[in-house]
């Protein structure tokens, strides 16, 4: 429903009728800014307006003026129409209208109950230009002489009664103003509290990111040492060097560890809402062990007890990794002299997966346990009190439950119960990828020289004719050449000047049958709403086997 309003007169405020209303119009009023009103609702009646059937709509009524008045800066007429009395509120000053005149009014219907006008079932907001005077007041009837008792005494009594009414109305209005101010102040304080909690949450997340980044930098230095050192040994040794196989194996292990750390960092830094999907909890804990070990320190032992045949958990990698990191940080602070931090998994009952985190730290008293998940509560001098609150929020967002068991001097145990992913239908053994049809043309677009050369070599080894470009616009210009063809497009999602999804749309406009493979080190959901819809995706780093399998499926005859 759209309510049509009018331009506000200079120096005026909202009509007192609207300010004193106990029920407000739910939709915002849209100013017309002096333009002609929309056509009135056909067949509109005063009874329909009083019943709320014309709320916020333009209607025209013809009636008799029974009273005139002013409320604040606004002129009003009380009009009798179809045995109902309503109030016409004018947004600009109007000329004098005599009581008893017949007027035709066109305006916006607002049905509210007003304290000052208890008999008005609705109001009509009108511009002076939309009022027509149909007839003047009737001639006054011949009245008999007034009796002696209708003089000054009755006037005094009437004035006193009206004064009491006005005083009561002013008191009620003043109370309502105070209530509105109190409600506005409470809402403002609630909003400030939410903003402060958000700032504390971001501060805790940044602190965790700083700790994680320090440990990951150390691990990446170790990885780079292995890769660079083994590569140099391969350069110096001949093809018969006995250390060649060991060096290649070390490079592969280092590369896999780097890929795991990179994937965890992307998941941890993701800011979008959680998207639960089937996830191997045991594998996530194994991948996160290097990061958790750095957070715990050298004096604390990280132990894991993965349950065999654990069903996949329905969760999101980012929030679940946040839970593991915050629990590890909390355990490290509870064990300043070292100890053991254990992560165990189990399937306590069908449809549920349990993660248990136990430390051998100082433990908590009953008072601390009762407030452990309260945002802002902390027992540390420099703490923010958001670590365990973030854990509780993340678990609830994933549809899980968390329990805390702790006693002073006996350590702390967190039991997190999460939903298991629904069992998929019986898996079908994957068939080997068929060989691609010969002499297919592949267009490779990636602004990284190393990745582009690597992909080109893999595709050429499969028998494809490869055209590679670093610039997406140069790749599009090459398609204008006579005889150009594209059977496969392999493109990075992030390119200079033109995104991979835009490039794919232009290539498909020219070659509708072309198959598209997006590659990126980012999550596609962070770059394209809905992910890489209509195309396949390989996360960097990917292996030649991964790329070959996709090409075989894409170009199968």
Protein backbone atom coordinates (compact mmCIF):
# COMPACT_ATOMS: atom_id res chain seq x y z
CA UNK A 1 0.00 0.00 0.00
CA UNK A 2 1.33 3.45 -0.94
CA UNK A 3 0.10 6.58 0.85
CA UNK A 4 0.20 9.82 -1.14
CA UNK A 5 0.98 12.94 0.86
CA UNK A 6 1.62 16.57 0.11
CA UNK A 7 4.46 19.12 0.27
CA UNK A 8 4.84 20.52 3.75
CA UNK A 9 4.20 24.26 4.16
CA UNK A 10 7.25 26.33 5.05
CA UNK A 11 7.82 26.66 8.79
CA UNK A 12 5.20 24.07 9.74
CA UNK A 13 5.40 20.68 11.42
CA UNK A 14 3.39 17.47 11.18
CA UNK A 15 -0.31 17.99 11.94
CA UNK A 16 -1.24 17.61 15.61
CA UNK A 17 -3.73 14.98 14.49
CA UNK A 18 -0.89 12.77 13.28
CA UNK A 19 1.21 13.48 16.36
CA UNK A 20 -1.54 12.53 18.81
CA UNK A 21 -2.68 9.44 16.94
CA UNK A 22 -2.54 6.20 18.90
CA UNK A 23 -2.26 4.10 15.69
CA UNK A 24 0.18 5.16 12.98
CA UNK A 25 0.01 4.43 9.27
CA UNK A 26 2.36 1.47 8.64
CA UNK A 27 3.71 2.68 5.26
CA UNK A 28 5.76 5.87 4.75
CA UNK A 29 3.98 8.84 3.22
CA UNK A 30 5.31 9.66 -0.26
CA UNK A 31 5.16 13.42 -1.06
CA UNK A 32 3.57 14.35 -4.38
CA UNK A 33 5.65 17.55 -4.59
CA UNK A 34 2.89 19.68 -6.08
CA UNK A 35 1.92 17.29 -8.87
CA UNK A 36 -1.77 16.48 -9.54
CA UNK A 37 -3.23 13.82 -7.32
CA UNK A 38 -3.93 10.35 -8.75
CA UNK A 39 -7.51 9.65 -9.77
CA UNK A 40 -9.77 9.15 -6.73
CA UNK A 41 -10.81 5.63 -5.86
CA UNK A 42 -14.04 4.87 -7.77
CA UNK A 43 -17.17 4.42 -5.68
CA UNK A 44 -15.46 5.55 -2.48
CA UNK A 45 -17.83 6.02 0.47
CA UNK A 46 -17.38 7.50 3.91
CA UNK A 47 -18.33 4.18 5.53
CA UNK A 48 -15.63 2.39 3.49
CA UNK A 49 -13.06 4.98 4.60
CA UNK A 50 -14.14 4.59 8.24
CA UNK A 51 -13.78 0.81 7.93
CA UNK A 52 -10.16 1.15 6.72
CA UNK A 53 -10.81 -0.01 3.16
CA UNK A 54 -9.43 3.24 1.65
CA UNK A 55 -6.41 3.66 3.93
CA UNK A 56 -3.76 5.79 2.17
CA UNK A 57 -5.81 6.13 -1.04
CA UNK A 58 -7.14 9.22 -2.79
CA UNK A 59 -10.91 9.68 -2.41
CA UNK A 60 -13.49 12.41 -3.07
CA UNK A 61 -16.35 13.20 -0.64
CA UNK A 62 -19.12 15.81 -0.68
CA UNK A 63 -20.58 16.93 2.64
CA UNK A 64 -21.68 19.73 4.91
CA UNK A 65 -19.25 21.73 7.06
CA UNK A 66 -20.35 21.45 10.67
CA UNK A 67 -17.29 23.03 12.32
CA UNK A 68 -14.05 24.85 11.51
CA UNK A 69 -10.87 25.05 13.52
CA UNK A 70 -7.10 24.99 13.69
CA UNK A 71 -4.70 22.51 15.22
CA UNK A 72 -1.22 23.98 15.39
CA UNK A 73 -0.34 25.35 11.94
CA UNK A 74 -3.03 23.30 10.19
CA UNK A 75 -6.58 24.39 9.26
CA UNK A 76 -9.36 21.83 9.76
CA UNK A 77 -12.97 21.39 8.73
CA UNK A 78 -15.36 18.92 10.34
CA UNK A 79 -17.58 17.59 7.54
CA UNK A 80 -20.82 15.59 7.75
CA UNK A 81 -21.06 13.05 4.92
CA UNK A 82 -23.38 10.02 4.67
CA UNK A 83 -24.32 10.29 8.37
CA UNK A 84 -20.60 10.16 9.32
CA UNK A 85 -18.49 13.06 10.55
CA UNK A 86 -14.84 13.17 9.45
CA UNK A 87 -12.05 15.75 9.73
CA UNK A 88 -10.43 17.42 6.72
CA UNK A 89 -6.85 18.57 7.45
CA UNK A 90 -5.41 21.19 5.05
CA UNK A 91 -1.68 21.26 4.38
CA UNK A 92 -1.78 25.00 3.48
CA UNK A 93 -3.89 27.94 4.73
CA UNK A 94 -7.45 28.15 3.33
CA UNK A 95 -9.94 31.00 3.00
CA UNK A 96 -12.74 31.21 5.51
CA UNK A 97 -15.50 28.63 5.05
CA UNK A 98 -18.86 29.20 6.74
CA UNK A 99 -20.45 26.47 8.80
CA UNK A 100 -23.28 24.91 6.84
CA UNK A 101 -21.54 25.23 3.48
CA UNK A 102 -21.52 22.26 1.12
CA UNK A 103 -17.99 21.36 -0.02
CA UNK A 104 -16.42 18.76 -2.32
CA UNK A 105 -13.07 17.53 -1.02
CA UNK A 106 -10.43 15.37 -2.74
CA UNK A 107 -7.52 14.06 -0.62
CA UNK A 108 -5.76 11.13 1.04
CA UNK A 109 -7.70 8.98 3.55
CA UNK A 110 -6.02 8.38 6.94
CA UNK A 111 -8.04 6.28 9.40
CA UNK A 112 -6.91 6.99 12.95
CA UNK A 113 -8.55 7.50 16.35
CA UNK A 114 -7.70 10.93 17.75
CA UNK A 115 -7.94 11.88 21.40
CA UNK A 116 -8.91 15.47 20.61
CA UNK A 117 -11.59 14.39 18.11
CA UNK A 118 -13.00 11.14 19.49
CA UNK A 119 -15.90 11.05 17.04
CA UNK A 120 -13.80 11.25 13.86
CA UNK A 121 -13.49 7.74 12.35
CA UNK A 122 -11.03 8.98 9.72
CA UNK A 123 -9.27 12.09 8.44
CA UNK A 124 -8.87 13.39 4.89
CA UNK A 125 -5.58 15.24 4.17
CA UNK A 126 -6.44 17.90 1.56
CA UNK A 127 -4.72 20.67 -0.38
CA UNK A 128 -6.67 23.96 -0.63
CA UNK A 129 -6.70 23.63 -4.43
CA UNK A 130 -8.59 20.32 -4.10
CA UNK A 131 -11.56 21.85 -2.22
CA UNK A 132 -14.63 23.08 -4.11
CA UNK A 133 -17.36 25.17 -2.46
CA UNK A 134 -20.62 23.74 -3.84
CA UNK A 135 -23.11 25.89 -1.88
CA UNK A 136 -23.11 28.43 0.91
CA UNK A 137 -24.77 27.95 4.32
CA UNK A 138 -28.60 27.89 4.47
CA UNK A 139 -30.47 30.93 5.77
CA UNK A 140 -30.81 30.87 9.56
CA UNK A 141 -34.31 29.84 10.73
CA UNK A 142 -36.55 32.13 12.71
CA UNK A 143 -35.86 31.41 16.37
CA UNK A 144 -38.09 32.26 19.33
CA UNK A 145 -36.73 34.71 21.89
CA UNK A 146 -34.16 33.12 24.15
CA UNK A 147 -35.25 32.55 27.75
CA UNK A 148 -33.61 34.48 30.49
CA UNK A 149 -31.47 31.51 31.64
CA UNK A 150 -29.53 31.04 28.35
CA UNK A 151 -27.28 33.99 28.80
CA UNK A 152 -24.01 34.59 30.60
CA UNK A 153 -24.34 31.72 33.10
CA UNK A 154 -24.54 29.07 30.39
CA UNK A 155 -21.60 30.67 28.56
CA UNK A 156 -19.51 30.56 31.74
CA UNK A 157 -20.41 26.92 32.36
CA UNK A 158 -19.60 25.96 28.76
CA UNK A 159 -16.28 27.81 28.85
CA UNK A 160 -15.32 26.07 32.10
CA UNK A 161 -16.22 22.64 30.72
CA UNK A 162 -14.22 23.25 27.52
CA UNK A 163 -11.30 24.48 29.59
CA UNK A 164 -11.26 21.23 31.56
CA UNK A 165 -11.35 19.25 28.30
CA UNK A 166 -8.48 21.25 26.83
CA UNK A 167 -6.41 20.91 30.01
CA UNK A 168 -6.95 17.15 30.06
CA UNK A 169 -6.07 16.85 26.37
CA UNK A 170 -2.90 18.91 26.83
CA UNK A 171 -1.87 16.72 29.77
CA UNK A 172 -2.40 13.51 27.77
CA UNK A 173 -0.49 14.96 24.81
CA UNK A 174 2.42 15.95 27.06
CA UNK A 175 2.53 12.45 28.53
CA UNK A 176 2.53 10.89 25.07
CA UNK A 177 5.40 13.15 24.00
CA UNK A 178 7.41 12.02 27.00
CA UNK A 179 6.65 8.36 26.25
CA UNK A 180 7.75 8.79 22.62
CA UNK A 181 10.98 10.45 23.74
CA UNK A 182 11.68 7.65 26.22
CA UNK A 183 11.05 4.99 23.54
CA UNK A 184 13.33 6.81 21.08
CA UNK A 185 16.09 7.02 23.69
CA UNK A 186 15.75 3.31 24.50
CA UNK A 187 15.93 2.43 20.81
CA UNK A 188 19.03 4.60 20.39
CA UNK A 189 20.74 2.93 23.35
CA UNK A 190 19.89 -0.53 21.98
CA UNK A 191 21.37 0.42 18.61
CA UNK A 192 24.53 1.75 20.27
CA UNK A 193 24.82 -1.52 22.25
CA UNK A 194 24.58 -3.56 19.05
CA UNK A 195 27.23 -1.41 17.38
CA UNK A 196 29.54 -1.78 20.39
CA UNK A 197 29.07 -5.57 20.39
CA UNK A 198 29.86 -5.63 16.67
CA UNK A 199 33.03 -3.63 17.25
CA UNK A 200 34.08 -5.98 20.05
CA UNK A 201 33.42 -8.98 17.79
CA UNK A 202 35.52 -7.48 14.98
CA UNK A 203 38.26 -6.65 17.47
CA UNK A 204 38.34 -10.25 18.72
CA UNK A 205 38.35 -11.54 15.14
CA UNK A 206 41.26 -9.25 14.22
CA UNK A 207 43.15 -10.46 17.29
CA UNK A 208 42.59 -14.07 16.21
CA UNK A 209 43.60 -13.23 12.64
CA UNK A 210 46.82 -11.70 13.95
CA UNK A 211 47.66 -14.83 15.93
CA UNK A 212 46.80 -17.10 13.02
CA UNK A 213 48.78 -14.98 10.54
CA UNK A 214 51.89 -15.21 12.71
CA UNK A 215 51.72 -19.01 12.85
CA UNK A 216 50.89 -19.35 9.15
CA UNK A 217 53.81 -17.09 8.18
CA UNK A 218 56.12 -19.39 10.14
CA UNK A 219 54.68 -22.46 8.40
CA UNK A 220 54.91 -20.85 4.96
CA UNK A 221 58.57 -20.03 5.60
CA UNK A 222 59.17 -23.72 6.32
CA UNK A 223 57.23 -24.67 3.17
CA UNK A 224 59.18 -22.24 1.01
CA UNK A 225 62.44 -23.51 2.48
CA UNK A 226 61.56 -27.06 1.41
CA UNK A 227 60.32 -26.07 -2.06
CA UNK A 228 63.17 -23.71 -2.89
CA UNK A 229 65.84 -25.97 -1.43
CA UNK A 230 64.64 -29.14 -3.15
CA UNK A 231 64.17 -27.32 -6.47
CA UNK A 232 67.78 -26.12 -6.33
CA UNK A 233 68.98 -29.64 -5.52
CA UNK A 234 67.06 -30.92 -8.58
CA UNK A 235 68.79 -28.31 -10.74
CA UNK A 236 72.24 -29.33 -9.47
CA UNK A 237 71.67 -33.10 -9.64
CA UNK A 238 71.51 -35.16 -12.80
CA UNK A 239 68.67 -37.42 -13.95
CA UNK A 240 70.27 -40.34 -12.11
CA UNK A 241 70.67 -38.48 -8.82
CA UNK A 242 69.37 -40.83 -6.04
CA UNK A 243 67.97 -37.82 -4.11
CA UNK A 244 65.79 -36.73 -7.05
CA UNK A 245 62.73 -38.80 -6.06
CA UNK A 246 63.01 -37.72 -2.41
CA UNK A 247 63.27 -34.05 -3.43
CA UNK A 248 60.19 -34.32 -5.66
CA UNK A 249 58.23 -36.02 -2.85
CA UNK A 250 59.24 -33.25 -0.41
CA UNK A 251 58.09 -30.58 -2.86
CA UNK A 252 54.74 -32.31 -3.31
CA UNK A 253 54.21 -32.61 0.48
CA UNK A 254 55.11 -28.93 0.97
CA UNK A 255 52.74 -27.93 -1.83
CA UNK A 256 49.86 -29.88 -0.31
CA UNK A 257 50.45 -28.28 3.11
CA UNK A 258 50.56 -24.83 1.53
CA UNK A 259 47.27 -25.54 -0.26
CA UNK A 260 45.65 -26.61 3.03
CA UNK A 261 46.86 -23.51 4.89
CA UNK A 262 45.71 -21.25 2.05
CA UNK A 263 42.26 -22.87 1.99
CA UNK A 264 41.87 -22.49 5.76
CA UNK A 265 42.92 -18.84 5.65
CA UNK A 266 40.33 -18.12 2.95
CA UNK A 267 37.62 -19.87 4.95
CA UNK A 268 38.63 -18.07 8.15
CA UNK A 269 38.65 -14.62 6.53
CA UNK A 270 35.32 -15.03 4.73
CA UNK A 271 32.79 -12.41 5.86
CA UNK A 272 29.61 -13.76 4.28
CA UNK A 273 26.90 -15.60 6.20
CA UNK A 274 27.42 -19.26 7.03
CA UNK A 275 26.34 -21.74 4.34
CA UNK A 276 26.16 -25.23 5.90
CA UNK A 277 27.18 -28.09 3.61
CA UNK A 278 28.47 -31.64 4.15
CA UNK A 279 31.92 -31.40 5.77
CA UNK A 280 34.44 -33.94 7.03
CA UNK A 281 35.06 -32.78 10.60
CA UNK A 282 38.03 -35.14 11.09
CA UNK A 283 39.69 -33.81 7.93
CA UNK A 284 39.13 -30.19 8.99
CA UNK A 285 40.75 -30.82 12.39
CA UNK A 286 43.71 -32.56 10.69
CA UNK A 287 44.15 -29.64 8.27
CA UNK A 288 43.93 -27.10 11.11
CA UNK A 289 46.49 -28.85 13.35
CA UNK A 290 49.45 -26.64 12.26
CA UNK A 291 47.48 -23.47 12.99
CA UNK A 292 46.11 -24.72 16.32
CA UNK A 293 49.55 -25.92 17.43
CA UNK A 294 50.99 -22.42 16.82
CA UNK A 295 48.19 -20.85 18.89
CA UNK A 296 48.70 -23.27 21.79
CA UNK A 297 52.46 -22.70 21.99
CA UNK A 298 55.38 -25.07 22.40
CA UNK A 299 54.58 -26.00 26.02
CA UNK A 300 51.10 -27.35 25.22
CA UNK A 301 50.46 -30.69 23.53
CA UNK A 302 47.73 -30.87 20.87
CA UNK A 303 46.07 -34.31 20.87
CA UNK A 304 43.34 -35.52 18.52
CA UNK A 305 40.99 -38.49 18.81
CA UNK A 306 39.05 -38.79 15.55
CA UNK A 307 36.17 -41.23 15.54
CA UNK A 308 36.30 -43.80 12.74
CA UNK A 309 33.51 -43.75 10.15
CA UNK A 310 32.36 -40.33 11.37
CA UNK A 311 29.41 -39.10 9.26
CA UNK A 312 29.89 -35.71 7.59
CA UNK A 313 28.72 -32.73 9.60
CA UNK A 314 26.37 -30.11 8.15
CA UNK A 315 28.46 -26.97 8.72
CA UNK A 316 30.50 -24.21 7.09
CA UNK A 317 34.31 -24.32 7.13
CA UNK A 318 34.75 -20.68 8.17
CA UNK A 319 32.57 -20.61 11.34
CA UNK A 320 33.74 -24.09 12.38
CA UNK A 321 37.39 -23.05 12.00
CA UNK A 322 36.58 -19.93 14.05
CA UNK A 323 35.23 -22.22 16.80
CA UNK A 324 38.40 -24.36 16.81
CA UNK A 325 40.68 -21.29 16.91
CA UNK A 326 38.76 -19.57 19.73
CA UNK A 327 38.69 -22.77 21.81
CA UNK A 328 42.45 -23.20 21.28
CA UNK A 329 43.13 -19.59 22.31
CA UNK A 330 40.93 -20.01 25.40
CA UNK A 331 42.74 -23.24 26.31
CA UNK A 332 46.18 -21.64 25.86
CA UNK A 333 45.22 -18.83 28.24
CA UNK A 334 43.91 -21.36 30.78
CA UNK A 335 47.23 -23.30 30.66
CA UNK A 336 49.98 -20.68 31.08
CA UNK A 337 52.42 -23.37 32.23
CA UNK A 338 51.50 -25.80 29.46
CA UNK A 339 49.29 -28.85 29.38
CA UNK A 340 47.24 -30.89 26.93
CA UNK A 341 44.48 -29.72 24.60
CA UNK A 342 42.45 -32.57 23.12
CA UNK A 343 40.01 -32.50 20.22
CA UNK A 344 37.81 -35.60 19.92
CA UNK A 345 34.93 -36.44 17.58
CA UNK A 346 32.07 -38.89 17.98
CA UNK A 347 28.63 -39.76 16.64
CA UNK A 348 26.61 -40.07 19.89
CA UNK A 349 23.28 -40.74 18.14
CA UNK A 350 21.89 -40.87 14.62
CA UNK A 351 21.79 -37.51 12.87
CA UNK A 352 24.25 -35.80 15.23
CA UNK A 353 28.03 -35.31 15.33
CA UNK A 354 29.83 -34.30 18.52
CA UNK A 355 33.06 -32.33 18.89
CA UNK A 356 34.68 -32.35 22.34
CA UNK A 357 37.46 -29.89 23.28
CA UNK A 358 39.20 -30.57 26.59
CA UNK A 359 42.07 -28.76 28.32
CA UNK A 360 43.98 -29.45 31.54
CA UNK A 361 43.97 -25.82 32.62
CA UNK A 362 42.89 -23.95 35.74
CA UNK A 363 39.15 -24.57 35.24
CA UNK A 364 36.23 -22.28 36.12
CA UNK A 365 34.21 -21.57 39.21
CA UNK A 366 30.41 -21.86 39.19
CA UNK A 367 30.05 -18.06 38.92
CA UNK A 368 32.38 -17.93 35.89
CA UNK A 369 30.68 -20.91 34.23
CA UNK A 370 27.30 -19.20 34.49
CA UNK A 371 28.58 -16.19 32.55
CA UNK A 372 31.18 -17.83 30.29
CA UNK A 373 29.20 -17.28 27.06
CA UNK A 374 28.01 -13.79 28.03
CA UNK A 375 29.25 -11.17 25.58
CA UNK A 376 31.57 -8.70 27.28
CA UNK A 377 32.27 -10.90 30.33
CA UNK A 378 35.92 -11.73 30.91
CA UNK A 379 38.22 -12.68 33.77
CA UNK A 380 41.31 -11.37 31.98
CA UNK A 381 42.66 -7.87 32.56
CA UNK A 382 43.13 -7.22 28.85
CA UNK A 383 40.31 -9.43 27.50
CA UNK A 384 37.31 -8.32 25.46
CA UNK A 385 34.94 -11.07 26.60
CA UNK A 386 33.95 -12.02 23.05
CA UNK A 387 35.90 -15.26 22.42
CA UNK A 388 33.47 -17.79 23.92
CA UNK A 389 30.48 -15.62 22.96
CA UNK A 390 31.58 -15.91 19.33
CA UNK A 391 31.88 -19.69 19.76
CA UNK A 392 28.33 -19.92 21.14
CA UNK A 393 26.93 -17.70 18.35
CA UNK A 394 28.69 -19.74 15.64
CA UNK A 395 27.40 -23.03 17.06
CA UNK A 396 23.83 -21.71 17.22
CA UNK A 397 24.08 -20.39 13.63
CA UNK A 398 25.04 -23.90 12.50
CA UNK A 399 22.02 -25.41 14.26
CA UNK A 400 24.07 -26.94 17.08
CA UNK A 401 24.26 -26.86 20.86
CA UNK A 402 27.18 -26.30 23.21
CA UNK A 403 27.71 -27.49 26.79
CA UNK A 404 30.40 -26.42 29.26
CA UNK A 405 31.79 -28.61 32.05
CA UNK A 406 34.52 -27.21 34.30
CA UNK A 407 35.73 -27.17 37.89
CA UNK A 408 38.56 -25.19 39.50
CA UNK A 409 41.84 -27.09 39.13
CA UNK A 410 40.31 -29.82 36.92
CA UNK A 411 40.33 -28.22 33.49
CA UNK A 412 37.51 -27.41 31.12
CA UNK A 413 35.52 -29.44 28.60
CA UNK A 414 33.32 -28.08 25.79
CA UNK A 415 30.87 -30.46 24.10
CA UNK A 416 29.54 -29.20 20.79
CA UNK A 417 26.65 -31.11 19.23
CA UNK A 418 26.16 -30.42 15.48
CA UNK A 419 23.71 -31.77 12.90
CA UNK A 420 25.01 -34.50 10.61
CA UNK A 421 24.54 -34.10 6.87
CA UNK A 422 21.74 -36.19 5.35
CA UNK A 423 22.98 -39.41 3.86
CA UNK A 424 23.32 -39.20 0.10
CA UNK A 425 21.95 -41.96 -2.14
CA UNK A 426 24.25 -44.88 -2.84
CA UNK A 427 27.41 -43.57 -4.44
CA UNK A 428 28.18 -44.68 -7.97
CA UNK A 429 31.78 -45.59 -8.68
CA UNK A 430 33.34 -42.83 -10.79
CA UNK A 431 34.05 -43.77 -14.36
CA UNK A 432 37.39 -42.86 -15.88
CA UNK A 433 37.31 -39.62 -17.83
CA UNK A 434 37.10 -40.27 -21.56
CA UNK A 435 39.81 -38.94 -23.81
CA UNK A 436 38.94 -35.57 -25.42
CA UNK A 437 38.23 -35.41 -29.10
CA UNK A 438 41.38 -34.56 -31.10
CA UNK A 439 42.38 -31.04 -32.17
CA UNK A 440 39.88 -29.30 -29.93
CA UNK A 441 40.73 -25.63 -29.33
CA UNK A 442 41.25 -24.34 -25.78
CA UNK A 443 41.36 -20.64 -24.89
CA UNK A 444 43.34 -20.00 -21.70
CA UNK A 445 43.13 -16.54 -20.06
CA UNK A 446 45.09 -15.95 -16.84
CA UNK A 447 47.19 -12.92 -15.92
CA UNK A 448 49.71 -15.04 -13.99
CA UNK A 449 52.48 -16.17 -16.36
CA UNK A 450 53.33 -19.29 -14.35
CA UNK A 451 49.73 -20.52 -14.09
CA UNK A 452 49.07 -19.77 -17.76
CA UNK A 453 52.16 -21.71 -18.89
CA UNK A 454 51.33 -24.62 -16.57
CA UNK A 455 47.75 -24.92 -17.88
CA UNK A 456 48.96 -24.65 -21.46
CA UNK A 457 51.43 -27.51 -21.03
CA UNK A 458 48.78 -29.77 -19.45
CA UNK A 459 46.26 -29.09 -22.24
CA UNK A 460 48.80 -29.51 -25.03
CA UNK A 461 49.82 -32.85 -23.51
CA UNK A 462 46.16 -33.89 -23.88
CA UNK A 463 46.30 -33.12 -27.62
CA UNK A 464 44.45 -29.78 -27.58
CA UNK A 465 45.40 -26.75 -29.61
CA UNK A 466 45.91 -23.97 -27.05
CA UNK A 467 45.57 -20.20 -27.45
CA UNK A 468 46.73 -18.39 -24.28
CA UNK A 469 46.41 -14.71 -23.31
CA UNK A 470 47.11 -12.67 -20.20
CA UNK A 471 44.77 -9.81 -21.26
CA UNK A 472 41.05 -10.67 -21.61
CA UNK A 473 40.52 -7.93 -24.20
CA UNK A 474 43.35 -9.34 -26.34
CA UNK A 475 41.68 -12.74 -26.12
CA UNK A 476 38.37 -11.27 -27.33
CA UNK A 477 40.08 -9.49 -30.23
CA UNK A 478 41.67 -12.78 -31.29
CA UNK A 479 38.18 -14.25 -31.68
CA UNK A 480 37.51 -11.83 -34.55
CA UNK A 481 40.05 -13.61 -36.75
CA UNK A 482 38.57 -15.79 -39.52
CA UNK A 483 38.62 -19.42 -38.55
CA UNK A 484 38.76 -18.71 -34.80
CA UNK A 485 37.18 -21.41 -32.66
CA UNK A 486 36.78 -22.14 -28.96
CA UNK A 487 35.75 -25.52 -27.59
CA UNK A 488 37.05 -24.94 -24.05
CA UNK A 489 37.58 -21.71 -22.10
CA UNK A 490 39.80 -21.87 -18.99
CA UNK A 491 39.72 -18.44 -17.32
CA UNK A 492 40.68 -16.91 -14.00
CA UNK A 493 37.76 -15.29 -12.19
CA UNK A 494 39.81 -12.17 -11.38
CA UNK A 495 41.30 -10.45 -14.44
CA UNK A 496 42.44 -6.88 -15.08
CA UNK A 497 39.66 -4.78 -16.60
CA UNK A 498 37.19 -7.62 -17.21
CA UNK A 499 36.04 -10.35 -14.83
CA UNK A 500 36.18 -13.98 -15.83
CA UNK A 501 32.38 -14.33 -15.79
CA UNK A 502 32.02 -11.36 -18.19
CA UNK A 503 34.66 -12.84 -20.47
CA UNK A 504 32.82 -16.18 -20.46
CA UNK A 505 29.52 -14.48 -21.38
CA UNK A 506 31.13 -12.80 -24.42
CA UNK A 507 32.86 -16.00 -25.54
CA UNK A 508 29.61 -17.96 -25.26
CA UNK A 509 27.78 -15.30 -27.24
CA UNK A 510 30.16 -16.10 -30.12
CA UNK A 511 30.56 -19.85 -29.45
CA UNK A 512 27.45 -21.11 -27.56
CA UNK A 513 28.74 -24.71 -27.34
CA UNK A 514 32.00 -23.75 -25.60
CA UNK A 515 32.56 -25.34 -22.17
CA UNK A 516 33.79 -22.98 -19.43
CA UNK A 517 36.09 -23.75 -16.50
CA UNK A 518 36.76 -20.99 -13.96
CA UNK A 519 39.95 -21.22 -11.87
CA UNK A 520 40.74 -19.00 -8.89
CA UNK A 521 42.41 -18.84 -5.54
CA UNK A 522 39.25 -17.14 -4.19
CA UNK A 523 35.90 -18.60 -3.26
CA UNK A 524 33.60 -18.08 -6.28
CA UNK A 525 30.71 -17.11 -3.97
CA UNK A 526 32.79 -14.12 -2.82
CA UNK A 527 33.24 -12.92 -6.43
CA UNK A 528 30.00 -13.82 -8.21
CA UNK A 529 26.56 -13.88 -6.52
CA UNK A 530 25.50 -17.52 -6.64
CA UNK A 531 29.04 -18.75 -7.40
CA UNK A 532 30.24 -19.85 -10.80
CA UNK A 533 26.73 -20.55 -12.08
CA UNK A 534 26.56 -22.15 -15.52
CA UNK A 535 30.22 -23.16 -15.45
CA UNK A 536 32.60 -25.48 -13.62
CA UNK A 537 35.17 -24.35 -11.06
CA UNK A 538 38.61 -25.54 -9.94
CA UNK A 539 40.17 -23.99 -6.87
CA UNK A 540 43.83 -23.08 -7.09
CA UNK A 541 46.10 -24.90 -6.57
CA UNK A 542 44.86 -27.76 -8.75
CA UNK A 543 46.78 -30.75 -10.13
CA UNK A 544 47.25 -31.88 -13.74
CA UNK A 545 45.02 -34.85 -12.89
CA UNK A 546 42.19 -32.51 -11.82
CA UNK A 547 42.44 -30.45 -15.02
CA UNK A 548 42.79 -33.50 -17.29
CA UNK A 549 39.72 -35.17 -15.76
CA UNK A 550 37.60 -32.07 -16.33
CA UNK A 551 38.76 -31.67 -19.96
CA UNK A 552 38.01 -35.34 -20.63
CA UNK A 553 34.45 -34.94 -19.33
CA UNK A 554 33.89 -31.63 -21.10
CA UNK A 555 35.03 -32.85 -24.52
CA UNK A 556 33.78 -36.41 -24.37
CA UNK A 557 32.33 -37.41 -27.77
